[in-house]
Amino acid sequence: MRTTRFVDLGLTSGTLWANKNVGADRITDAGIYMSYPSTFFYKDKNYNIPTKEQFEELIRECTWKWIEKDNVHGYKVVGKNGKYILLPAVGYYGGTSLSYSGTLGYYWSTTYLGSSSAYYLYFDSSNVYASYGNRYYGMSIRLVINSTHE
């Protein structure tokens, strides 16, 4: 079991991204699927769930390459400094049913939109963007930390 590391991708904001999903043993694992997470989920350890703006910065400032690693599809997200993270396409849960594992990625942000919707990172093999949907769905979580907490 690997410990979670935070990777400096050279982003303008200084945000560091976890190298794997919450609850994952390996970088290709889905980890845990959560319905919309509370914003204080990891506050006691100085970790944060990304905002919509942090996802948009990741999209804008990094190179995204669709790959397969250990029989798992996803994006290798490469920063300006050449360091990278892997975001596996692990789908989402709607009730008790897992959908689109291996083809689509869904990662919650802490930016909500009204009482029942929130933003998330969405991707498939040719598109990556911040979208929004019902907070009921179970999605993966990727943590971030500000570089000043390193």
N, C-alpha and C. Protein backbone atom coordinates (compact mmCIF):
# COMPACT_ATOMS: atom_id res chain seq x y z
N MET A 1 0.84 -1.18 0.00
CA MET A 1 0.00 0.00 0.00
C MET A 1 0.88 1.24 0.00
N ARG A 2 0.69 2.09 -0.98
CA ARG A 2 1.46 3.33 -1.07
C ARG A 2 0.78 4.43 -0.27
N THR A 3 1.58 5.33 0.26
CA THR A 3 1.00 6.49 0.93
C THR A 3 0.69 7.55 -0.12
N THR A 4 -0.23 8.42 0.23
CA THR A 4 -0.59 9.50 -0.68
C THR A 4 0.51 10.55 -0.67
N ARG A 5 0.94 10.94 -1.85
CA ARG A 5 1.89 12.04 -2.02
C ARG A 5 1.17 13.16 -2.74
N PHE A 6 1.65 14.37 -2.56
CA PHE A 6 1.10 15.51 -3.27
C PHE A 6 2.12 15.98 -4.28
N VAL A 7 1.65 16.16 -5.53
CA VAL A 7 2.52 16.44 -6.66
C VAL A 7 2.40 17.90 -7.08
N ASP A 8 3.55 18.54 -7.20
CA ASP A 8 3.62 19.92 -7.68
C ASP A 8 3.68 19.87 -9.20
N LEU A 9 2.60 20.30 -9.85
CA LEU A 9 2.52 20.29 -11.32
C LEU A 9 2.96 21.62 -11.93
N GLY A 10 3.45 22.53 -11.10
CA GLY A 10 3.87 23.83 -11.60
C GLY A 10 2.72 24.77 -11.91
N LEU A 11 1.59 24.58 -11.24
CA LEU A 11 0.41 25.41 -11.50
C LEU A 11 0.59 26.82 -10.94
N THR A 12 -0.04 27.77 -11.58
CA THR A 12 0.06 29.18 -11.18
C THR A 12 -0.34 29.38 -9.73
N SER A 13 -1.39 28.70 -9.28
CA SER A 13 -1.90 28.87 -7.91
C SER A 13 -1.01 28.24 -6.85
N GLY A 14 -0.12 27.33 -7.26
CA GLY A 14 0.70 26.60 -6.31
C GLY A 14 0.01 25.37 -5.73
N THR A 15 -1.18 25.05 -6.23
CA THR A 15 -1.92 23.89 -5.75
C THR A 15 -1.15 22.61 -6.05
N LEU A 16 -1.07 21.73 -5.06
CA LEU A 16 -0.49 20.40 -5.23
C LEU A 16 -1.63 19.40 -5.27
N TRP A 17 -1.52 18.41 -6.14
CA TRP A 17 -2.57 17.41 -6.33
C TRP A 17 -2.12 16.06 -5.79
N ALA A 18 -3.03 15.37 -5.09
CA ALA A 18 -2.74 14.03 -4.58
C ALA A 18 -2.45 13.10 -5.75
N ASN A 19 -1.58 12.12 -5.52
CA ASN A 19 -1.21 11.19 -6.59
C ASN A 19 -2.20 10.06 -6.77
N LYS A 20 -3.21 9.96 -5.87
CA LYS A 20 -4.23 8.91 -6.02
C LYS A 20 -5.52 9.37 -5.35
N ASN A 21 -6.60 8.66 -5.62
CA ASN A 21 -7.91 8.99 -5.09
C ASN A 21 -8.02 8.66 -3.61
N VAL A 22 -8.92 9.32 -2.93
CA VAL A 22 -9.18 9.02 -1.52
C VAL A 22 -9.62 7.57 -1.41
N GLY A 23 -8.99 6.84 -0.50
CA GLY A 23 -9.32 5.43 -0.28
C GLY A 23 -8.64 4.46 -1.21
N ALA A 24 -7.82 4.94 -2.14
CA ALA A 24 -7.16 4.07 -3.12
C ALA A 24 -5.81 3.58 -2.59
N ASP A 25 -5.49 2.34 -2.89
CA ASP A 25 -4.17 1.80 -2.57
C ASP A 25 -3.16 2.11 -3.67
N ARG A 26 -3.64 2.12 -4.93
CA ARG A 26 -2.76 2.37 -6.08
C ARG A 26 -3.28 3.56 -6.87
N ILE A 27 -2.45 4.13 -7.72
CA ILE A 27 -2.86 5.31 -8.49
C ILE A 27 -3.93 5.00 -9.52
N THR A 28 -4.12 3.73 -9.84
CA THR A 28 -5.14 3.34 -10.81
C THR A 28 -6.46 2.92 -10.15
N ASP A 29 -6.50 2.88 -8.83
CA ASP A 29 -7.71 2.45 -8.10
C ASP A 29 -8.74 3.57 -8.04
N ALA A 30 -10.00 3.19 -7.99
CA ALA A 30 -11.09 4.15 -7.85
C ALA A 30 -11.10 4.79 -6.47
N GLY A 31 -10.72 4.04 -5.45
CA GLY A 31 -10.87 4.53 -4.09
C GLY A 31 -12.33 4.46 -3.69
N ILE A 32 -12.76 5.36 -2.82
CA ILE A 32 -14.15 5.36 -2.38
C ILE A 32 -14.97 6.29 -3.26
N TYR A 33 -16.23 5.94 -3.42
CA TYR A 33 -17.18 6.79 -4.13
C TYR A 33 -18.04 7.47 -3.07
N MET A 34 -18.16 8.78 -3.17
CA MET A 34 -18.94 9.52 -2.18
C MET A 34 -20.00 10.35 -2.86
N SER A 35 -21.19 10.42 -2.21
CA SER A 35 -22.13 11.44 -2.65
C SER A 35 -21.51 12.76 -2.23
N TYR A 36 -22.09 13.86 -2.63
CA TYR A 36 -21.45 15.16 -2.46
C TYR A 36 -20.80 15.31 -1.09
N PRO A 37 -19.48 15.51 -1.07
CA PRO A 37 -18.74 15.56 0.19
C PRO A 37 -18.87 16.92 0.88
N SER A 38 -18.76 16.89 2.18
CA SER A 38 -18.77 18.14 2.92
C SER A 38 -17.43 18.85 2.71
N THR A 39 -17.44 20.17 2.76
CA THR A 39 -16.22 20.94 2.49
C THR A 39 -15.18 20.78 3.58
N PHE A 40 -15.56 20.29 4.74
CA PHE A 40 -14.60 20.13 5.83
C PHE A 40 -14.10 18.70 5.97
N PHE A 41 -14.31 17.88 4.96
CA PHE A 41 -13.98 16.46 4.97
C PHE A 41 -12.57 16.16 5.50
N TYR A 42 -11.58 16.88 5.02
CA TYR A 42 -10.19 16.64 5.43
C TYR A 42 -9.53 17.89 6.01
N LYS A 43 -10.30 18.88 6.43
CA LYS A 43 -9.74 20.14 6.90
C LYS A 43 -8.75 19.97 8.05
N ASP A 44 -8.97 18.99 8.92
CA ASP A 44 -8.10 18.83 10.08
C ASP A 44 -6.68 18.43 9.69
N LYS A 45 -6.45 17.97 8.49
CA LYS A 45 -5.12 17.59 8.03
C LYS A 45 -4.58 18.58 6.98
N ASN A 46 -5.22 19.75 6.81
CA ASN A 46 -4.85 20.74 5.79
C ASN A 46 -5.06 20.27 4.37
N TYR A 47 -5.77 19.15 4.16
CA TYR A 47 -6.12 18.69 2.82
C TYR A 47 -7.45 19.32 2.46
N ASN A 48 -7.70 19.46 1.16
CA ASN A 48 -8.96 20.01 0.68
C ASN A 48 -9.45 19.22 -0.51
N ILE A 49 -10.75 19.21 -0.71
CA ILE A 49 -11.34 18.73 -1.94
C ILE A 49 -11.29 19.90 -2.92
N PRO A 50 -10.93 19.69 -4.17
CA PRO A 50 -10.76 20.81 -5.10
C PRO A 50 -12.03 21.61 -5.33
N THR A 51 -11.84 22.86 -5.68
CA THR A 51 -12.94 23.71 -6.12
C THR A 51 -13.08 23.58 -7.63
N LYS A 52 -14.17 24.09 -8.15
CA LYS A 52 -14.36 24.13 -9.61
C LYS A 52 -13.20 24.89 -10.25
N GLU A 53 -12.77 25.97 -9.62
CA GLU A 53 -11.68 26.79 -10.17
C GLU A 53 -10.36 26.02 -10.21
N GLN A 54 -10.11 25.18 -9.21
CA GLN A 54 -8.89 24.38 -9.23
C GLN A 54 -8.93 23.33 -10.34
N PHE A 55 -10.10 22.74 -10.59
CA PHE A 55 -10.22 21.83 -11.73
C PHE A 55 -10.00 22.58 -13.04
N GLU A 56 -10.57 23.76 -13.17
CA GLU A 56 -10.40 24.54 -14.40
C GLU A 56 -8.94 24.92 -14.63
N GLU A 57 -8.21 25.24 -13.56
CA GLU A 57 -6.78 25.53 -13.69
C GLU A 57 -6.03 24.28 -14.14
N LEU A 58 -6.36 23.13 -13.58
CA LEU A 58 -5.72 21.88 -13.98
C LEU A 58 -5.95 21.60 -15.46
N ILE A 59 -7.18 21.83 -15.92
CA ILE A 59 -7.51 21.63 -17.33
C ILE A 59 -6.73 22.60 -18.22
N ARG A 60 -6.69 23.84 -17.83
CA ARG A 60 -6.10 24.91 -18.63
C ARG A 60 -4.57 24.84 -18.68
N GLU A 61 -3.93 24.49 -17.56
CA GLU A 61 -2.47 24.61 -17.48
C GLU A 61 -1.71 23.31 -17.68
N CYS A 62 -2.40 22.20 -17.82
CA CYS A 62 -1.73 20.91 -17.99
C CYS A 62 -2.04 20.28 -19.34
N THR A 63 -1.22 19.33 -19.71
CA THR A 63 -1.43 18.53 -20.91
C THR A 63 -2.12 17.24 -20.49
N TRP A 64 -3.19 16.89 -21.19
CA TRP A 64 -4.00 15.71 -20.85
C TRP A 64 -3.83 14.66 -21.94
N LYS A 65 -3.36 13.48 -21.54
CA LYS A 65 -3.17 12.38 -22.50
C LYS A 65 -3.91 11.14 -22.01
N TRP A 66 -4.84 10.64 -22.84
CA TRP A 66 -5.61 9.43 -22.53
C TRP A 66 -4.69 8.23 -22.64
N ILE A 67 -4.59 7.44 -21.57
CA ILE A 67 -3.69 6.29 -21.56
C ILE A 67 -4.38 5.08 -20.92
N GLU A 68 -3.69 3.95 -21.01
CA GLU A 68 -4.08 2.75 -20.28
C GLU A 68 -2.90 2.34 -19.42
N LYS A 69 -3.15 2.14 -18.14
CA LYS A 69 -2.10 1.68 -17.22
C LYS A 69 -2.70 0.59 -16.34
N ASP A 70 -2.05 -0.55 -16.29
CA ASP A 70 -2.53 -1.69 -15.49
C ASP A 70 -3.99 -2.03 -15.81
N ASN A 71 -4.33 -2.02 -17.11
CA ASN A 71 -5.68 -2.33 -17.60
C ASN A 71 -6.74 -1.32 -17.16
N VAL A 72 -6.31 -0.12 -16.80
CA VAL A 72 -7.23 0.95 -16.40
C VAL A 72 -7.01 2.14 -17.33
N HIS A 73 -8.10 2.66 -17.90
CA HIS A 73 -8.01 3.85 -18.74
C HIS A 73 -8.15 5.10 -17.89
N GLY A 74 -7.56 6.17 -18.38
CA GLY A 74 -7.66 7.45 -17.69
C GLY A 74 -6.74 8.47 -18.32
N TYR A 75 -6.60 9.60 -17.64
CA TYR A 75 -5.74 10.67 -18.16
C TYR A 75 -4.46 10.78 -17.35
N LYS A 76 -3.37 10.86 -18.10
CA LYS A 76 -2.09 11.27 -17.53
C LYS A 76 -2.09 12.79 -17.67
N VAL A 77 -2.08 13.48 -16.53
CA VAL A 77 -2.17 14.94 -16.51
C VAL A 77 -0.78 15.47 -16.19
N VAL A 78 -0.16 16.09 -17.20
CA VAL A 78 1.24 16.50 -17.09
C VAL A 78 1.33 18.01 -16.92
N GLY A 79 2.01 18.42 -15.85
CA GLY A 79 2.20 19.84 -15.58
C GLY A 79 3.30 20.45 -16.43
N LYS A 80 3.43 21.76 -16.34
CA LYS A 80 4.46 22.50 -17.09
C LYS A 80 5.87 22.05 -16.72
N ASN A 81 6.02 21.52 -15.51
CA ASN A 81 7.34 21.10 -15.04
C ASN A 81 7.63 19.63 -15.36
N GLY A 82 6.74 18.94 -16.07
CA GLY A 82 6.95 17.56 -16.45
C GLY A 82 6.45 16.53 -15.45
N LYS A 83 6.09 16.96 -14.24
CA LYS A 83 5.53 16.02 -13.26
C LYS A 83 4.08 15.75 -13.62
N TYR A 84 3.55 14.60 -13.16
CA TYR A 84 2.20 14.23 -13.58
C TYR A 84 1.43 13.50 -12.48
N ILE A 85 0.12 13.45 -12.68
CA ILE A 85 -0.77 12.60 -11.90
C ILE A 85 -1.59 11.78 -12.90
N LEU A 86 -2.17 10.70 -12.43
CA LEU A 86 -3.07 9.88 -13.24
C LEU A 86 -4.47 10.01 -12.65
N LEU A 87 -5.43 10.34 -13.50
CA LEU A 87 -6.83 10.37 -13.09
C LEU A 87 -7.54 9.21 -13.80
N PRO A 88 -7.79 8.11 -13.07
CA PRO A 88 -8.44 6.97 -13.72
C PRO A 88 -9.91 7.25 -14.02
N ALA A 89 -10.37 6.68 -15.11
CA ALA A 89 -11.78 6.79 -15.51
C ALA A 89 -12.54 5.70 -14.77
N VAL A 90 -13.09 6.07 -13.62
CA VAL A 90 -13.68 5.06 -12.74
C VAL A 90 -15.20 5.18 -12.61
N GLY A 91 -15.83 6.00 -13.46
CA GLY A 91 -17.28 6.09 -13.49
C GLY A 91 -17.87 6.73 -12.26
N TYR A 92 -19.14 6.39 -12.00
CA TYR A 92 -19.85 6.93 -10.83
C TYR A 92 -20.92 5.94 -10.37
N TYR A 93 -21.39 6.13 -9.15
CA TYR A 93 -22.49 5.34 -8.62
C TYR A 93 -23.77 6.14 -8.63
N GLY A 94 -24.82 5.52 -9.12
CA GLY A 94 -26.18 6.05 -9.01
C GLY A 94 -26.95 5.03 -8.20
N GLY A 95 -27.15 5.28 -6.93
CA GLY A 95 -27.75 4.27 -6.05
C GLY A 95 -26.74 3.17 -5.81
N THR A 96 -27.10 1.94 -6.15
CA THR A 96 -26.20 0.80 -5.93
C THR A 96 -25.52 0.34 -7.21
N SER A 97 -25.69 1.09 -8.29
CA SER A 97 -25.18 0.67 -9.59
C SER A 97 -24.00 1.53 -10.05
N LEU A 98 -22.88 0.87 -10.37
CA LEU A 98 -21.71 1.54 -10.91
C LEU A 98 -21.87 1.68 -12.42
N SER A 99 -21.69 2.90 -12.93
CA SER A 99 -21.83 3.17 -14.36
C SER A 99 -20.55 3.76 -14.95
N TYR A 100 -20.24 3.36 -16.16
CA TYR A 100 -19.18 3.93 -17.00
C TYR A 100 -17.77 3.75 -16.46
N SER A 101 -17.55 2.80 -15.58
CA SER A 101 -16.20 2.54 -15.11
C SER A 101 -15.34 2.09 -16.28
N GLY A 102 -14.20 2.71 -16.43
CA GLY A 102 -13.29 2.39 -17.53
C GLY A 102 -13.43 3.30 -18.73
N THR A 103 -14.51 4.09 -18.78
CA THR A 103 -14.71 4.96 -19.94
C THR A 103 -14.89 6.43 -19.58
N LEU A 104 -15.47 6.70 -18.40
CA LEU A 104 -15.72 8.09 -18.01
C LEU A 104 -15.17 8.36 -16.62
N GLY A 105 -14.75 9.60 -16.38
CA GLY A 105 -14.28 10.00 -15.07
C GLY A 105 -15.17 11.08 -14.47
N TYR A 106 -15.44 10.95 -13.18
CA TYR A 106 -16.25 11.91 -12.43
C TYR A 106 -15.57 12.14 -11.09
N TYR A 107 -15.23 13.40 -10.80
CA TYR A 107 -14.56 13.75 -9.54
C TYR A 107 -15.23 14.98 -8.94
N TRP A 108 -15.72 14.85 -7.71
CA TRP A 108 -16.42 15.97 -7.06
C TRP A 108 -15.50 17.14 -6.77
N SER A 109 -16.10 18.33 -6.86
CA SER A 109 -15.48 19.55 -6.34
C SER A 109 -16.28 19.97 -5.12
N THR A 110 -15.84 21.00 -4.41
CA THR A 110 -16.61 21.52 -3.28
C THR A 110 -17.47 22.70 -3.68
N THR A 111 -17.52 23.01 -4.96
CA THR A 111 -18.30 24.14 -5.44
C THR A 111 -19.72 23.66 -5.74
N TYR A 112 -20.67 24.13 -4.93
CA TYR A 112 -22.04 23.68 -5.14
C TYR A 112 -22.82 24.69 -5.97
N LEU A 113 -23.91 24.22 -6.52
CA LEU A 113 -24.77 25.03 -7.38
C LEU A 113 -26.20 24.80 -6.91
N GLY A 114 -26.67 25.64 -6.04
CA GLY A 114 -28.02 25.47 -5.50
C GLY A 114 -28.05 24.40 -4.43
N SER A 115 -29.24 24.03 -4.03
CA SER A 115 -29.39 23.10 -2.91
C SER A 115 -29.17 21.64 -3.27
N SER A 116 -29.25 21.28 -4.54
CA SER A 116 -29.15 19.86 -4.87
C SER A 116 -28.09 19.54 -5.94
N SER A 117 -27.37 20.54 -6.43
CA SER A 117 -26.37 20.30 -7.48
C SER A 117 -25.00 20.83 -7.07
N ALA A 118 -23.97 20.27 -7.69
CA ALA A 118 -22.60 20.71 -7.44
C ALA A 118 -21.77 20.46 -8.70
N TYR A 119 -20.62 21.12 -8.76
CA TYR A 119 -19.71 20.95 -9.89
C TYR A 119 -18.81 19.73 -9.67
N TYR A 120 -18.41 19.14 -10.77
CA TYR A 120 -17.47 18.02 -10.75
C TYR A 120 -16.61 18.09 -12.01
N LEU A 121 -15.49 17.39 -11.96
CA LEU A 121 -14.66 17.23 -13.15
C LEU A 121 -15.21 16.04 -13.91
N TYR A 122 -15.45 16.24 -15.21
CA TYR A 122 -15.94 15.17 -16.08
C TYR A 122 -14.91 14.96 -17.18
N PHE A 123 -14.70 13.69 -17.54
CA PHE A 123 -13.90 13.42 -18.73
C PHE A 123 -14.25 12.10 -19.37
N ASP A 124 -14.00 12.06 -20.69
CA ASP A 124 -14.03 10.82 -21.45
C ASP A 124 -12.75 10.82 -22.28
N SER A 125 -12.63 9.95 -23.25
CA SER A 125 -11.36 9.83 -23.98
C SER A 125 -11.02 11.03 -24.86
N SER A 126 -11.97 11.94 -25.06
CA SER A 126 -11.68 13.10 -25.92
C SER A 126 -12.12 14.44 -25.35
N ASN A 127 -12.73 14.47 -24.15
CA ASN A 127 -13.21 15.71 -23.55
C ASN A 127 -12.87 15.76 -22.07
N VAL A 128 -12.56 16.97 -21.60
CA VAL A 128 -12.33 17.20 -20.17
C VAL A 128 -12.92 18.56 -19.85
N TYR A 129 -13.83 18.63 -18.87
CA TYR A 129 -14.38 19.92 -18.47
C TYR A 129 -15.06 19.82 -17.11
N ALA A 130 -15.33 20.98 -16.51
CA ALA A 130 -16.10 21.05 -15.27
C ALA A 130 -17.57 21.09 -15.65
N SER A 131 -18.34 20.21 -15.05
CA SER A 131 -19.77 20.16 -15.30
C SER A 131 -20.48 20.21 -13.95
N TYR A 132 -21.78 20.02 -13.94
CA TYR A 132 -22.49 19.98 -12.66
C TYR A 132 -23.63 18.98 -12.74
N GLY A 133 -24.01 18.49 -11.58
CA GLY A 133 -25.09 17.52 -11.51
C GLY A 133 -25.57 17.33 -10.10
N ASN A 134 -26.50 16.42 -9.94
CA ASN A 134 -27.13 16.15 -8.66
C ASN A 134 -26.11 15.62 -7.66
N ARG A 135 -26.16 16.14 -6.43
CA ARG A 135 -25.20 15.77 -5.39
C ARG A 135 -25.44 14.36 -4.84
N TYR A 136 -26.46 13.70 -5.33
CA TYR A 136 -26.80 12.34 -4.92
C TYR A 136 -25.78 11.31 -5.40
N TYR A 137 -25.19 11.54 -6.57
CA TYR A 137 -24.33 10.53 -7.19
C TYR A 137 -23.04 10.30 -6.40
N GLY A 138 -22.56 9.07 -6.45
CA GLY A 138 -21.29 8.71 -5.81
C GLY A 138 -20.15 8.86 -6.80
N MET A 139 -19.22 9.78 -6.49
CA MET A 139 -18.07 10.03 -7.37
C MET A 139 -16.77 9.93 -6.58
N SER A 140 -15.69 9.83 -7.30
CA SER A 140 -14.36 9.77 -6.69
C SER A 140 -13.97 11.14 -6.16
N ILE A 141 -12.99 11.13 -5.27
CA ILE A 141 -12.45 12.35 -4.68
C ILE A 141 -10.94 12.36 -4.87
N ARG A 142 -10.42 13.48 -5.35
CA ARG A 142 -8.96 13.68 -5.45
C ARG A 142 -8.63 14.91 -4.61
N LEU A 143 -7.78 14.75 -3.63
CA LEU A 143 -7.47 15.86 -2.72
C LEU A 143 -6.39 16.78 -3.28
N VAL A 144 -6.40 17.99 -2.78
CA VAL A 144 -5.38 19.00 -3.10
C VAL A 144 -4.88 19.62 -1.80
N ILE A 145 -3.75 20.27 -1.90
CA ILE A 145 -3.19 21.01 -0.78
C ILE A 145 -2.45 22.22 -1.35
N ASN A 146 -2.47 23.31 -0.63
CA ASN A 146 -1.74 24.49 -1.06
C ASN A 146 -0.26 24.25 -0.79
N SER A 147 0.60 24.68 -1.69
CA SER A 147 2.04 24.42 -1.56
C SER A 147 2.64 24.99 -0.28
N THR A 148 1.99 25.96 0.35
CA THR A 148 2.52 26.52 1.59
C THR A 148 2.38 25.56 2.78
N HIS A 149 1.59 24.47 2.62
CA HIS A 149 1.42 23.48 3.68
C HIS A 149 2.34 22.29 3.53
N GLU A 150 3.20 22.31 2.56
CA GLU A 150 4.07 21.18 2.27
C GLU A 150 5.00 20.86 3.43
